[in-house]
N, C-alpha and C. Protein backbone atom coordinates (compact mmCIF):
# COMPACT_ATOMS: atom_id res chain seq x y z
N MET A 1 22.16 -25.37 2.81
CA MET A 1 22.74 -24.03 2.70
C MET A 1 22.97 -23.66 1.24
N GLY A 2 23.45 -24.66 0.46
CA GLY A 2 23.68 -24.40 -0.96
C GLY A 2 22.42 -23.97 -1.68
N ASN A 3 21.29 -24.64 -1.38
CA ASN A 3 20.02 -24.28 -2.02
C ASN A 3 19.59 -22.87 -1.64
N LEU A 4 19.82 -22.50 -0.35
CA LEU A 4 19.42 -21.18 0.11
C LEU A 4 20.22 -20.11 -0.61
N VAL A 5 21.56 -20.31 -0.67
CA VAL A 5 22.40 -19.32 -1.35
C VAL A 5 22.03 -19.22 -2.82
N SER A 6 21.78 -20.39 -3.44
CA SER A 6 21.40 -20.39 -4.86
C SER A 6 20.09 -19.65 -5.07
N GLY A 7 19.12 -19.88 -4.16
CA GLY A 7 17.82 -19.21 -4.28
C GLY A 7 17.95 -17.71 -4.13
N ILE A 8 18.78 -17.27 -3.17
CA ILE A 8 18.98 -15.84 -2.96
C ILE A 8 19.67 -15.22 -4.18
N SER A 9 20.67 -15.93 -4.73
CA SER A 9 21.36 -15.42 -5.91
C SER A 9 20.41 -15.28 -7.09
N MET A 10 19.54 -16.28 -7.28
CA MET A 10 18.58 -16.21 -8.37
C MET A 10 17.62 -15.04 -8.18
N LEU A 11 17.21 -14.81 -6.91
CA LEU A 11 16.32 -13.68 -6.63
C LEU A 11 17.02 -12.37 -6.95
N HIS A 12 18.30 -12.27 -6.59
CA HIS A 12 19.07 -11.08 -6.95
C HIS A 12 19.06 -10.86 -8.46
N LEU A 13 19.29 -11.92 -9.21
CA LEU A 13 19.35 -11.81 -10.67
C LEU A 13 18.00 -11.39 -11.24
N LEU A 14 16.93 -12.03 -10.74
CA LEU A 14 15.60 -11.73 -11.25
C LEU A 14 15.21 -10.30 -10.94
N LEU A 15 15.42 -9.88 -9.68
CA LEU A 15 15.06 -8.52 -9.30
C LEU A 15 15.92 -7.51 -10.05
N GLY A 16 17.19 -7.86 -10.23
CA GLY A 16 18.06 -6.97 -10.99
C GLY A 16 17.58 -6.80 -12.41
N PHE A 17 17.11 -7.89 -13.02
CA PHE A 17 16.56 -7.83 -14.37
C PHE A 17 15.33 -6.94 -14.41
N LEU A 18 14.44 -7.12 -13.43
CA LEU A 18 13.22 -6.32 -13.41
C LEU A 18 13.53 -4.85 -13.18
N LEU A 19 14.50 -4.57 -12.30
CA LEU A 19 14.89 -3.19 -12.06
C LEU A 19 15.45 -2.56 -13.33
N THR A 20 16.29 -3.32 -14.03
CA THR A 20 16.86 -2.80 -15.28
C THR A 20 15.77 -2.54 -16.30
N LEU A 21 14.85 -3.51 -16.42
CA LEU A 21 13.76 -3.37 -17.38
C LEU A 21 12.89 -2.17 -17.03
N SER A 22 12.54 -2.04 -15.74
CA SER A 22 11.68 -0.93 -15.32
C SER A 22 12.39 0.40 -15.53
N GLY A 23 13.67 0.44 -15.17
CA GLY A 23 14.41 1.68 -15.32
C GLY A 23 14.56 2.07 -16.78
N PHE A 24 14.74 1.09 -17.65
CA PHE A 24 14.90 1.37 -19.08
C PHE A 24 13.62 1.93 -19.66
N CYS A 25 12.49 1.37 -19.24
CA CYS A 25 11.22 1.76 -19.87
C CYS A 25 10.61 3.00 -19.23
N PHE A 26 10.79 3.17 -17.93
CA PHE A 26 10.01 4.19 -17.23
C PHE A 26 10.87 5.07 -16.34
N LEU A 27 12.13 5.24 -16.66
CA LEU A 27 13.03 5.93 -15.77
C LEU A 27 12.54 7.31 -15.40
N GLY A 28 11.90 8.00 -16.32
CA GLY A 28 11.45 9.35 -16.04
C GLY A 28 10.22 9.41 -15.16
N GLU A 29 9.55 8.27 -14.92
CA GLU A 29 8.29 8.30 -14.20
C GLU A 29 8.30 7.53 -12.89
N VAL A 30 9.22 6.57 -12.73
CA VAL A 30 9.20 5.72 -11.55
C VAL A 30 9.62 6.52 -10.32
N GLU A 31 8.76 6.51 -9.30
CA GLU A 31 9.05 7.18 -8.05
C GLU A 31 9.78 6.26 -7.10
N SER A 32 9.37 5.00 -7.04
CA SER A 32 10.04 4.00 -6.23
C SER A 32 9.64 2.63 -6.75
N LEU A 33 10.40 1.62 -6.35
CA LEU A 33 10.15 0.26 -6.81
C LEU A 33 9.97 -0.66 -5.61
N GLY A 34 9.20 -1.73 -5.82
CA GLY A 34 9.00 -2.70 -4.76
C GLY A 34 8.75 -4.07 -5.36
N ILE A 35 8.39 -5.01 -4.49
CA ILE A 35 8.15 -6.38 -4.93
C ILE A 35 6.87 -6.91 -4.31
N ASN A 36 6.31 -7.93 -4.94
CA ASN A 36 5.32 -8.80 -4.31
C ASN A 36 6.09 -9.91 -3.60
N TYR A 37 5.94 -9.99 -2.30
CA TYR A 37 6.69 -10.93 -1.48
C TYR A 37 5.82 -12.15 -1.23
N GLY A 38 5.88 -13.12 -2.14
CA GLY A 38 5.13 -14.35 -1.98
C GLY A 38 5.86 -15.33 -1.08
N GLN A 39 5.11 -16.25 -0.51
CA GLN A 39 5.69 -17.20 0.44
C GLN A 39 5.38 -18.65 0.08
N VAL A 40 4.84 -18.87 -1.11
CA VAL A 40 4.52 -20.23 -1.54
C VAL A 40 5.68 -20.74 -2.38
N ALA A 41 6.68 -21.31 -1.71
CA ALA A 41 7.87 -21.81 -2.39
C ALA A 41 8.70 -22.60 -1.39
N ASN A 42 9.73 -23.25 -1.87
CA ASN A 42 10.64 -23.99 -1.01
C ASN A 42 11.92 -23.19 -0.78
N ASN A 43 12.55 -23.45 0.37
CA ASN A 43 13.86 -22.87 0.69
C ASN A 43 13.86 -21.35 0.65
N LEU A 44 12.77 -20.73 1.10
CA LEU A 44 12.73 -19.27 1.14
C LEU A 44 13.59 -18.76 2.30
N PRO A 45 14.29 -17.65 2.09
CA PRO A 45 15.04 -17.05 3.20
C PRO A 45 14.08 -16.50 4.24
N PRO A 46 14.51 -16.40 5.50
CA PRO A 46 13.65 -15.85 6.55
C PRO A 46 13.38 -14.37 6.30
N PRO A 47 12.31 -13.83 6.92
CA PRO A 47 11.93 -12.43 6.65
C PRO A 47 13.04 -11.42 6.89
N ASP A 48 13.86 -11.61 7.93
CA ASP A 48 14.92 -10.63 8.17
C ASP A 48 15.97 -10.65 7.06
N ARG A 49 16.18 -11.82 6.47
CA ARG A 49 17.11 -11.90 5.33
C ARG A 49 16.51 -11.24 4.09
N VAL A 50 15.21 -11.40 3.92
CA VAL A 50 14.53 -10.74 2.81
C VAL A 50 14.63 -9.22 2.96
N LEU A 51 14.48 -8.75 4.19
CA LEU A 51 14.59 -7.31 4.44
C LEU A 51 15.98 -6.81 4.06
N ASP A 52 17.02 -7.57 4.41
CA ASP A 52 18.38 -7.19 4.02
C ASP A 52 18.53 -7.16 2.50
N LEU A 53 17.91 -8.14 1.85
CA LEU A 53 17.98 -8.21 0.39
C LEU A 53 17.30 -7.00 -0.25
N LEU A 54 16.14 -6.61 0.28
CA LEU A 54 15.46 -5.42 -0.24
C LEU A 54 16.34 -4.19 -0.08
N GLY A 55 16.99 -4.09 1.09
CA GLY A 55 17.87 -2.96 1.32
C GLY A 55 19.02 -2.92 0.35
N SER A 56 19.60 -4.08 0.05
CA SER A 56 20.74 -4.12 -0.87
C SER A 56 20.34 -3.73 -2.28
N LEU A 57 19.06 -3.94 -2.62
CA LEU A 57 18.56 -3.59 -3.94
C LEU A 57 17.87 -2.23 -3.96
N ARG A 58 17.88 -1.56 -2.82
CA ARG A 58 17.27 -0.23 -2.67
C ARG A 58 15.78 -0.25 -3.00
N LEU A 59 15.12 -1.31 -2.61
CA LEU A 59 13.67 -1.41 -2.78
C LEU A 59 13.00 -0.97 -1.49
N THR A 60 12.01 -0.11 -1.60
CA THR A 60 11.40 0.48 -0.41
C THR A 60 9.92 0.14 -0.25
N LYS A 61 9.40 -0.72 -1.13
CA LYS A 61 8.00 -1.08 -1.04
C LYS A 61 7.84 -2.58 -1.25
N ALA A 62 6.90 -3.17 -0.53
CA ALA A 62 6.63 -4.60 -0.69
C ALA A 62 5.17 -4.86 -0.38
N ARG A 63 4.67 -5.92 -0.98
CA ARG A 63 3.32 -6.38 -0.67
C ARG A 63 3.38 -7.85 -0.30
N ILE A 64 2.71 -8.22 0.79
CA ILE A 64 2.59 -9.62 1.15
C ILE A 64 1.15 -10.05 0.94
N TYR A 65 0.94 -11.36 0.82
CA TYR A 65 -0.37 -11.89 0.45
C TYR A 65 -1.19 -12.32 1.65
N ASP A 66 -0.81 -11.86 2.83
CA ASP A 66 -1.54 -12.16 4.06
C ASP A 66 -1.11 -11.13 5.10
N THR A 67 -1.20 -11.49 6.37
CA THR A 67 -0.71 -10.63 7.44
C THR A 67 0.24 -11.44 8.33
N ASN A 68 1.17 -12.12 7.70
CA ASN A 68 2.12 -12.98 8.40
C ASN A 68 2.81 -12.22 9.54
N PRO A 69 2.58 -12.62 10.80
CA PRO A 69 3.15 -11.86 11.91
C PRO A 69 4.67 -11.86 11.94
N GLN A 70 5.30 -12.92 11.43
CA GLN A 70 6.77 -12.95 11.39
C GLN A 70 7.31 -11.86 10.47
N ILE A 71 6.65 -11.68 9.33
CA ILE A 71 7.09 -10.64 8.40
C ILE A 71 6.80 -9.26 8.97
N LEU A 72 5.62 -9.08 9.53
CA LEU A 72 5.26 -7.77 10.09
C LEU A 72 6.22 -7.38 11.20
N THR A 73 6.64 -8.34 12.00
CA THR A 73 7.59 -8.06 13.08
C THR A 73 8.98 -7.78 12.53
N ALA A 74 9.41 -8.58 11.55
CA ALA A 74 10.75 -8.42 10.99
C ALA A 74 10.91 -7.08 10.28
N PHE A 75 9.83 -6.57 9.68
CA PHE A 75 9.91 -5.33 8.92
C PHE A 75 9.74 -4.09 9.78
N ALA A 76 9.59 -4.26 11.09
CA ALA A 76 9.44 -3.11 11.98
C ALA A 76 10.71 -2.26 11.96
N ASN A 77 10.51 -0.95 12.07
CA ASN A 77 11.61 0.02 12.15
C ASN A 77 12.53 -0.04 10.93
N SER A 78 11.95 -0.39 9.79
CA SER A 78 12.69 -0.36 8.53
C SER A 78 12.11 0.75 7.67
N ASN A 79 12.73 0.97 6.52
CA ASN A 79 12.21 2.01 5.62
C ASN A 79 11.29 1.43 4.55
N VAL A 80 10.86 0.18 4.73
CA VAL A 80 10.01 -0.48 3.73
C VAL A 80 8.54 -0.18 4.01
N GLN A 81 7.87 0.33 3.00
CA GLN A 81 6.42 0.54 3.08
C GLN A 81 5.74 -0.76 2.66
N LEU A 82 4.85 -1.24 3.51
CA LEU A 82 4.30 -2.58 3.34
C LEU A 82 2.80 -2.55 3.10
N ILE A 83 2.35 -3.28 2.09
CA ILE A 83 0.93 -3.51 1.86
C ILE A 83 0.62 -4.94 2.29
N VAL A 84 -0.37 -5.10 3.15
CA VAL A 84 -0.80 -6.43 3.59
C VAL A 84 -2.08 -6.79 2.85
N THR A 85 -2.46 -8.05 2.93
CA THR A 85 -3.60 -8.54 2.15
C THR A 85 -4.58 -9.30 3.02
N VAL A 86 -5.86 -9.02 2.81
CA VAL A 86 -6.94 -9.84 3.37
C VAL A 86 -7.17 -10.99 2.40
N GLU A 87 -7.05 -12.22 2.88
CA GLU A 87 -7.23 -13.37 2.00
C GLU A 87 -8.67 -13.43 1.49
N ASN A 88 -8.85 -13.95 0.28
CA ASN A 88 -10.17 -14.00 -0.36
C ASN A 88 -11.22 -14.66 0.52
N GLN A 89 -10.84 -15.72 1.23
CA GLN A 89 -11.83 -16.45 2.02
C GLN A 89 -12.36 -15.65 3.20
N MET A 90 -11.69 -14.53 3.52
CA MET A 90 -12.14 -13.69 4.63
C MET A 90 -13.19 -12.68 4.21
N LEU A 91 -13.39 -12.47 2.93
CA LEU A 91 -14.30 -11.42 2.48
C LEU A 91 -15.72 -11.58 3.01
N PRO A 92 -16.32 -12.77 2.98
CA PRO A 92 -17.68 -12.89 3.53
C PRO A 92 -17.76 -12.51 5.00
N VAL A 93 -16.72 -12.86 5.75
CA VAL A 93 -16.70 -12.54 7.19
C VAL A 93 -16.67 -11.03 7.41
N LEU A 94 -15.91 -10.33 6.58
CA LEU A 94 -15.70 -8.90 6.79
C LEU A 94 -16.84 -8.05 6.29
N THR A 95 -17.89 -8.65 5.76
CA THR A 95 -19.10 -7.88 5.48
C THR A 95 -19.81 -7.50 6.78
N ASP A 96 -19.40 -8.09 7.89
CA ASP A 96 -19.89 -7.72 9.23
C ASP A 96 -18.96 -6.64 9.78
N PRO A 97 -19.46 -5.43 10.04
CA PRO A 97 -18.59 -4.34 10.52
C PRO A 97 -17.83 -4.69 11.79
N ASN A 98 -18.44 -5.46 12.69
CA ASN A 98 -17.75 -5.83 13.92
C ASN A 98 -16.57 -6.75 13.65
N GLN A 99 -16.74 -7.66 12.69
CA GLN A 99 -15.63 -8.54 12.33
C GLN A 99 -14.50 -7.74 11.67
N ALA A 100 -14.85 -6.75 10.87
CA ALA A 100 -13.83 -5.91 10.25
C ALA A 100 -13.06 -5.13 11.31
N LEU A 101 -13.78 -4.62 12.30
CA LEU A 101 -13.13 -3.90 13.40
C LEU A 101 -12.16 -4.82 14.14
N GLN A 102 -12.60 -6.05 14.39
CA GLN A 102 -11.75 -7.02 15.08
C GLN A 102 -10.54 -7.38 14.23
N TRP A 103 -10.73 -7.49 12.92
CA TRP A 103 -9.62 -7.83 12.03
C TRP A 103 -8.53 -6.77 12.10
N VAL A 104 -8.92 -5.51 12.02
CA VAL A 104 -7.94 -4.42 12.10
C VAL A 104 -7.26 -4.41 13.47
N HIS A 105 -8.05 -4.64 14.51
CA HIS A 105 -7.50 -4.66 15.87
C HIS A 105 -6.46 -5.77 16.03
N THR A 106 -6.70 -6.91 15.39
CA THR A 106 -5.81 -8.07 15.54
C THR A 106 -4.61 -8.02 14.61
N HIS A 107 -4.81 -7.58 13.37
CA HIS A 107 -3.77 -7.73 12.35
C HIS A 107 -3.02 -6.44 12.01
N ILE A 108 -3.54 -5.29 12.43
CA ILE A 108 -2.90 -4.03 12.07
C ILE A 108 -2.38 -3.27 13.29
N THR A 109 -3.24 -3.01 14.25
CA THR A 109 -2.85 -2.14 15.37
C THR A 109 -1.68 -2.66 16.20
N PRO A 110 -1.47 -3.98 16.35
CA PRO A 110 -0.30 -4.41 17.13
C PRO A 110 1.04 -4.08 16.45
N TYR A 111 1.03 -3.82 15.15
CA TYR A 111 2.27 -3.64 14.40
C TYR A 111 2.51 -2.20 13.94
N PHE A 112 1.45 -1.48 13.70
CA PHE A 112 1.56 -0.10 13.22
C PHE A 112 1.68 0.83 14.43
N PRO A 113 2.56 1.84 14.40
CA PRO A 113 3.33 2.35 13.26
C PRO A 113 4.75 1.82 13.14
N ALA A 114 5.18 0.95 14.09
CA ALA A 114 6.57 0.45 14.00
C ALA A 114 6.82 -0.18 12.64
N THR A 115 5.87 -0.98 12.19
CA THR A 115 5.91 -1.50 10.82
C THR A 115 5.11 -0.55 9.95
N ASN A 116 5.73 -0.05 8.90
CA ASN A 116 5.12 1.00 8.09
C ASN A 116 4.11 0.41 7.10
N ILE A 117 2.96 0.02 7.64
CA ILE A 117 1.88 -0.51 6.81
C ILE A 117 1.19 0.67 6.14
N THR A 118 1.22 0.69 4.82
CA THR A 118 0.64 1.82 4.09
C THR A 118 -0.62 1.44 3.33
N GLY A 119 -0.92 0.15 3.25
CA GLY A 119 -2.11 -0.25 2.51
C GLY A 119 -2.61 -1.61 2.91
N ILE A 120 -3.90 -1.82 2.71
CA ILE A 120 -4.53 -3.12 2.90
C ILE A 120 -5.20 -3.49 1.59
N ALA A 121 -4.74 -4.58 0.99
CA ALA A 121 -5.37 -5.10 -0.22
C ALA A 121 -6.48 -6.05 0.19
N ILE A 122 -7.70 -5.73 -0.21
CA ILE A 122 -8.85 -6.57 0.14
C ILE A 122 -9.00 -7.64 -0.93
N GLY A 123 -8.57 -8.84 -0.61
CA GLY A 123 -8.59 -9.93 -1.57
C GLY A 123 -7.48 -9.80 -2.59
N ASN A 124 -7.39 -10.79 -3.45
CA ASN A 124 -6.38 -10.79 -4.50
C ASN A 124 -7.03 -11.19 -5.82
N GLU A 125 -7.07 -10.23 -6.74
CA GLU A 125 -7.65 -10.44 -8.07
C GLU A 125 -9.05 -11.05 -7.98
N VAL A 126 -9.86 -10.48 -7.10
CA VAL A 126 -11.23 -10.98 -6.92
C VAL A 126 -12.04 -10.82 -8.20
N PHE A 127 -11.83 -9.72 -8.92
CA PHE A 127 -12.59 -9.47 -10.14
C PHE A 127 -12.26 -10.46 -11.25
N THR A 128 -11.07 -11.03 -11.19
CA THR A 128 -10.62 -11.88 -12.29
C THR A 128 -10.24 -13.28 -11.85
N GLY A 129 -10.47 -13.62 -10.61
CA GLY A 129 -10.07 -14.93 -10.10
C GLY A 129 -11.11 -16.00 -10.32
N GLY A 130 -11.47 -16.25 -11.56
CA GLY A 130 -12.45 -17.28 -11.86
C GLY A 130 -13.88 -16.78 -11.87
N ALA A 131 -14.05 -15.46 -11.78
CA ALA A 131 -15.39 -14.85 -11.87
C ALA A 131 -16.36 -15.46 -10.86
N ASP A 132 -15.93 -15.55 -9.60
CA ASP A 132 -16.78 -16.02 -8.52
C ASP A 132 -17.73 -14.88 -8.15
N THR A 133 -18.97 -14.94 -8.64
CA THR A 133 -19.90 -13.83 -8.46
C THR A 133 -20.24 -13.60 -6.99
N ALA A 134 -20.31 -14.67 -6.20
CA ALA A 134 -20.59 -14.50 -4.77
C ALA A 134 -19.45 -13.75 -4.10
N LEU A 135 -18.22 -14.14 -4.39
CA LEU A 135 -17.06 -13.48 -3.79
C LEU A 135 -17.00 -12.02 -4.21
N ILE A 136 -17.27 -11.76 -5.49
CA ILE A 136 -17.26 -10.39 -5.98
C ILE A 136 -18.27 -9.53 -5.22
N SER A 137 -19.42 -10.10 -4.90
CA SER A 137 -20.46 -9.33 -4.21
C SER A 137 -20.04 -8.94 -2.79
N TYR A 138 -19.09 -9.67 -2.20
CA TYR A 138 -18.63 -9.35 -0.85
C TYR A 138 -17.54 -8.28 -0.84
N LEU A 139 -16.95 -8.01 -1.99
CA LEU A 139 -15.73 -7.20 -2.03
C LEU A 139 -15.94 -5.78 -1.52
N VAL A 140 -16.84 -5.03 -2.11
CA VAL A 140 -17.00 -3.63 -1.72
C VAL A 140 -17.49 -3.49 -0.28
N PRO A 141 -18.48 -4.29 0.19
CA PRO A 141 -18.84 -4.20 1.61
C PRO A 141 -17.65 -4.45 2.54
N ALA A 142 -16.80 -5.42 2.20
CA ALA A 142 -15.62 -5.68 3.03
C ALA A 142 -14.67 -4.48 3.01
N MET A 143 -14.48 -3.87 1.85
CA MET A 143 -13.62 -2.70 1.75
C MET A 143 -14.16 -1.54 2.58
N VAL A 144 -15.46 -1.31 2.47
CA VAL A 144 -16.09 -0.23 3.23
C VAL A 144 -15.91 -0.45 4.73
N ASN A 145 -16.10 -1.69 5.17
CA ASN A 145 -16.01 -1.98 6.61
C ASN A 145 -14.58 -1.89 7.13
N ILE A 146 -13.61 -2.36 6.35
CA ILE A 146 -12.21 -2.24 6.77
C ILE A 146 -11.81 -0.77 6.85
N HIS A 147 -12.23 0.02 5.86
CA HIS A 147 -11.92 1.45 5.90
C HIS A 147 -12.57 2.10 7.12
N ALA A 148 -13.82 1.75 7.40
CA ALA A 148 -14.50 2.31 8.57
C ALA A 148 -13.78 1.93 9.86
N ALA A 149 -13.25 0.70 9.91
CA ALA A 149 -12.49 0.28 11.09
C ALA A 149 -11.21 1.10 11.23
N LEU A 150 -10.55 1.37 10.12
CA LEU A 150 -9.36 2.22 10.17
C LEU A 150 -9.70 3.61 10.68
N VAL A 151 -10.85 4.13 10.25
CA VAL A 151 -11.30 5.44 10.74
C VAL A 151 -11.49 5.40 12.25
N ARG A 152 -12.10 4.33 12.74
CA ARG A 152 -12.34 4.18 14.19
C ARG A 152 -11.03 4.22 14.97
N PHE A 153 -9.99 3.64 14.40
CA PHE A 153 -8.69 3.62 15.09
C PHE A 153 -7.81 4.81 14.73
N GLY A 154 -8.32 5.72 13.91
CA GLY A 154 -7.55 6.89 13.51
C GLY A 154 -6.41 6.58 12.56
N LEU A 155 -6.55 5.51 11.78
CA LEU A 155 -5.47 5.07 10.90
C LEU A 155 -5.73 5.34 9.42
N ASP A 156 -6.90 5.84 9.09
CA ASP A 156 -7.26 6.00 7.68
C ASP A 156 -6.39 7.03 6.97
N ARG A 157 -5.74 7.93 7.71
CA ARG A 157 -4.84 8.91 7.08
C ARG A 157 -3.53 8.26 6.63
N PHE A 158 -3.23 7.11 7.21
CA PHE A 158 -1.94 6.47 6.95
C PHE A 158 -2.04 5.21 6.10
N ILE A 159 -3.19 4.54 6.15
CA ILE A 159 -3.34 3.24 5.51
C ILE A 159 -4.51 3.30 4.54
N HIS A 160 -4.25 3.03 3.27
CA HIS A 160 -5.32 3.05 2.28
C HIS A 160 -5.86 1.64 2.06
N VAL A 161 -7.05 1.58 1.51
CA VAL A 161 -7.74 0.31 1.24
C VAL A 161 -8.06 0.24 -0.24
N SER A 162 -7.64 -0.84 -0.89
CA SER A 162 -7.97 -1.04 -2.29
C SER A 162 -7.99 -2.54 -2.56
N THR A 163 -8.02 -2.91 -3.83
CA THR A 163 -7.94 -4.32 -4.20
C THR A 163 -7.19 -4.43 -5.51
N PRO A 164 -6.25 -5.36 -5.64
CA PRO A 164 -5.51 -5.50 -6.89
C PRO A 164 -6.29 -6.31 -7.92
N SER A 165 -6.21 -5.89 -9.16
CA SER A 165 -6.87 -6.61 -10.25
C SER A 165 -5.87 -6.83 -11.38
N SER A 166 -5.98 -7.95 -12.04
CA SER A 166 -5.15 -8.16 -13.23
C SER A 166 -5.77 -7.39 -14.39
N LEU A 167 -5.03 -7.27 -15.46
CA LEU A 167 -5.55 -6.57 -16.63
C LEU A 167 -6.68 -7.33 -17.31
N ALA A 168 -6.92 -8.57 -16.86
CA ALA A 168 -8.05 -9.34 -17.40
C ALA A 168 -9.39 -8.76 -16.96
N VAL A 169 -9.36 -7.76 -16.09
CA VAL A 169 -10.59 -7.08 -15.69
C VAL A 169 -11.19 -6.32 -16.88
N LEU A 170 -10.38 -6.08 -17.90
CA LEU A 170 -10.83 -5.32 -19.07
C LEU A 170 -11.36 -6.25 -20.16
N GLN A 171 -12.49 -5.85 -20.72
CA GLN A 171 -13.01 -6.55 -21.90
C GLN A 171 -12.23 -6.14 -23.14
N GLU A 172 -11.96 -4.85 -23.24
CA GLU A 172 -11.16 -4.30 -24.34
C GLU A 172 -10.13 -3.35 -23.75
N SER A 173 -8.92 -3.38 -24.29
CA SER A 173 -7.89 -2.46 -23.80
C SER A 173 -7.20 -1.69 -24.92
N PHE A 174 -7.49 -2.05 -26.15
CA PHE A 174 -6.86 -1.35 -27.27
C PHE A 174 -7.85 -1.17 -28.41
N PRO A 175 -7.87 0.03 -28.95
CA PRO A 175 -7.15 1.22 -28.51
C PRO A 175 -7.69 1.71 -27.17
N PRO A 176 -6.93 2.52 -26.44
CA PRO A 176 -7.38 2.98 -25.12
C PRO A 176 -8.76 3.62 -25.13
N SER A 177 -9.11 4.29 -26.22
CA SER A 177 -10.42 4.94 -26.30
C SER A 177 -11.56 3.94 -26.30
N ALA A 178 -11.26 2.68 -26.61
CA ALA A 178 -12.29 1.63 -26.62
C ALA A 178 -12.28 0.81 -25.34
N GLY A 179 -11.44 1.20 -24.38
CA GLY A 179 -11.30 0.43 -23.15
C GLY A 179 -12.61 0.33 -22.38
N CYS A 180 -12.90 -0.87 -21.86
CA CYS A 180 -14.10 -1.07 -21.05
C CYS A 180 -13.91 -2.30 -20.18
N PHE A 181 -14.64 -2.32 -19.06
CA PHE A 181 -14.59 -3.46 -18.17
C PHE A 181 -15.45 -4.61 -18.71
N ARG A 182 -15.20 -5.80 -18.22
CA ARG A 182 -15.97 -6.95 -18.65
C ARG A 182 -17.44 -6.77 -18.27
N PRO A 183 -18.37 -7.19 -19.11
CA PRO A 183 -19.80 -6.94 -18.87
C PRO A 183 -20.31 -7.45 -17.53
N GLU A 184 -19.79 -8.59 -17.07
CA GLU A 184 -20.29 -9.15 -15.81
C GLU A 184 -19.90 -8.31 -14.59
N LEU A 185 -19.02 -7.32 -14.80
CA LEU A 185 -18.61 -6.44 -13.70
C LEU A 185 -19.35 -5.12 -13.72
N ASN A 186 -20.29 -4.96 -14.63
CA ASN A 186 -20.96 -3.67 -14.79
C ASN A 186 -21.72 -3.24 -13.54
N ARG A 187 -22.20 -4.19 -12.76
CA ARG A 187 -22.96 -3.82 -11.56
C ARG A 187 -22.04 -3.44 -10.40
N ILE A 188 -20.96 -4.20 -10.21
CA ILE A 188 -20.10 -3.97 -9.05
C ILE A 188 -19.06 -2.89 -9.28
N MET A 189 -18.60 -2.71 -10.53
CA MET A 189 -17.51 -1.78 -10.77
C MET A 189 -17.85 -0.34 -10.41
N PRO A 190 -19.05 0.17 -10.69
CA PRO A 190 -19.36 1.54 -10.25
C PRO A 190 -19.29 1.70 -8.73
N GLN A 191 -19.73 0.68 -7.97
CA GLN A 191 -19.63 0.75 -6.51
C GLN A 191 -18.17 0.83 -6.08
N PHE A 192 -17.35 0.01 -6.70
CA PHE A 192 -15.93 -0.01 -6.37
C PHE A 192 -15.27 1.34 -6.69
N LEU A 193 -15.57 1.89 -7.87
CA LEU A 193 -14.96 3.15 -8.27
C LEU A 193 -15.45 4.31 -7.40
N ARG A 194 -16.71 4.25 -6.96
CA ARG A 194 -17.20 5.29 -6.03
C ARG A 194 -16.44 5.22 -4.71
N PHE A 195 -16.15 4.01 -4.24
CA PHE A 195 -15.37 3.87 -3.01
C PHE A 195 -13.98 4.48 -3.19
N LEU A 196 -13.34 4.19 -4.32
CA LEU A 196 -12.02 4.76 -4.57
C LEU A 196 -12.08 6.29 -4.65
N ALA A 197 -13.11 6.81 -5.28
CA ALA A 197 -13.24 8.26 -5.41
C ALA A 197 -13.43 8.91 -4.04
N ALA A 198 -14.13 8.23 -3.15
CA ALA A 198 -14.42 8.79 -1.83
C ALA A 198 -13.22 8.71 -0.89
N THR A 199 -12.41 7.65 -1.03
CA THR A 199 -11.33 7.42 -0.07
C THR A 199 -9.94 7.72 -0.62
N LYS A 200 -9.83 7.93 -1.93
CA LYS A 200 -8.61 8.40 -2.60
C LYS A 200 -7.44 7.42 -2.68
N PRO A 201 -7.64 6.11 -2.60
CA PRO A 201 -6.50 5.23 -2.88
C PRO A 201 -6.32 5.07 -4.38
N ARG A 202 -5.34 4.27 -4.77
CA ARG A 202 -5.11 4.03 -6.19
C ARG A 202 -5.79 2.73 -6.63
N PHE A 203 -6.07 2.67 -7.91
CA PHE A 203 -6.57 1.43 -8.51
C PHE A 203 -5.36 0.52 -8.71
N GLY A 204 -5.35 -0.61 -8.02
CA GLY A 204 -4.20 -1.50 -8.09
C GLY A 204 -4.29 -2.45 -9.27
N SER A 205 -3.23 -2.52 -10.05
CA SER A 205 -3.19 -3.41 -11.21
C SER A 205 -2.01 -4.36 -11.06
N THR A 206 -2.29 -5.66 -11.15
CA THR A 206 -1.24 -6.67 -11.06
C THR A 206 -0.74 -7.00 -12.45
N ARG A 207 0.54 -6.76 -12.69
CA ARG A 207 1.15 -7.09 -13.97
C ARG A 207 2.36 -7.99 -13.71
N ASN A 208 2.58 -8.92 -14.58
CA ASN A 208 3.64 -9.91 -14.38
C ASN A 208 4.58 -9.92 -15.57
N PRO A 209 5.55 -8.99 -15.61
CA PRO A 209 6.45 -8.92 -16.77
C PRO A 209 7.28 -10.18 -16.94
N TYR A 210 7.59 -10.86 -15.82
CA TYR A 210 8.41 -12.07 -15.96
C TYR A 210 7.67 -13.14 -16.75
N PHE A 211 6.36 -13.32 -16.45
CA PHE A 211 5.60 -14.35 -17.16
C PHE A 211 5.46 -14.00 -18.64
N ALA A 212 5.29 -12.71 -18.93
CA ALA A 212 5.23 -12.29 -20.34
C ALA A 212 6.56 -12.57 -21.03
N TYR A 213 7.65 -12.28 -20.34
CA TYR A 213 8.97 -12.56 -20.90
C TYR A 213 9.18 -14.06 -21.10
N LYS A 214 8.70 -14.85 -20.13
CA LYS A 214 8.89 -16.30 -20.22
C LYS A 214 8.16 -16.87 -21.43
N ARG A 215 6.95 -16.33 -21.71
CA ARG A 215 6.18 -16.81 -22.85
C ARG A 215 6.81 -16.39 -24.18
N ARG A 216 7.42 -15.17 -24.17
CA ARG A 216 8.00 -14.65 -25.41
C ARG A 216 9.38 -14.09 -25.10
N PRO A 217 10.35 -14.94 -24.85
CA PRO A 217 11.68 -14.47 -24.43
C PRO A 217 12.39 -13.62 -25.47
N GLY A 218 11.98 -13.74 -26.72
CA GLY A 218 12.64 -12.93 -27.75
C GLY A 218 12.11 -11.52 -27.76
């Protein structure tokens, strides 16, 4: 019990720090705040306790790294907008439209709309996760098929499809006028951007302010 309370207190402190930092830097622009809800750790509180914690911090958005049914059930009838994730190893399977249809039928339709699923992240940092060219080649077909499955179920108006990328997707980022993607992504990136233009989701960027702070605490 002591470890659980300590872990929850530390999470409060960390999230409070991030909220303060975000509010200080972007107060005029932030519409809402949320968290990445990872589950690879010890002594994690159960999903219903996490939901209470989000409520106490007035966080209304969260992303999970899978489609954990316990979390999807616990978050039902709450005000939290949830993004779920297709694991990287599923991308080759979802290049088959029938498999994508089955995936949505199994992992989305039993929970929506009670659970406010607003997005599906196809993979996690596929563009920058070790430059697996085979995995990268599966990304856009999987996205197209998942979106088509959502259309079949009439859910595309409510649930967007995208993929999160770290800033390592850029070859150059400064000055902004010199910004460009890494050369090995030149073939796939136009396909990805055309998909975003056609379906209107946002380009997801994963940033980790805590790790940057940890490296340079001063």
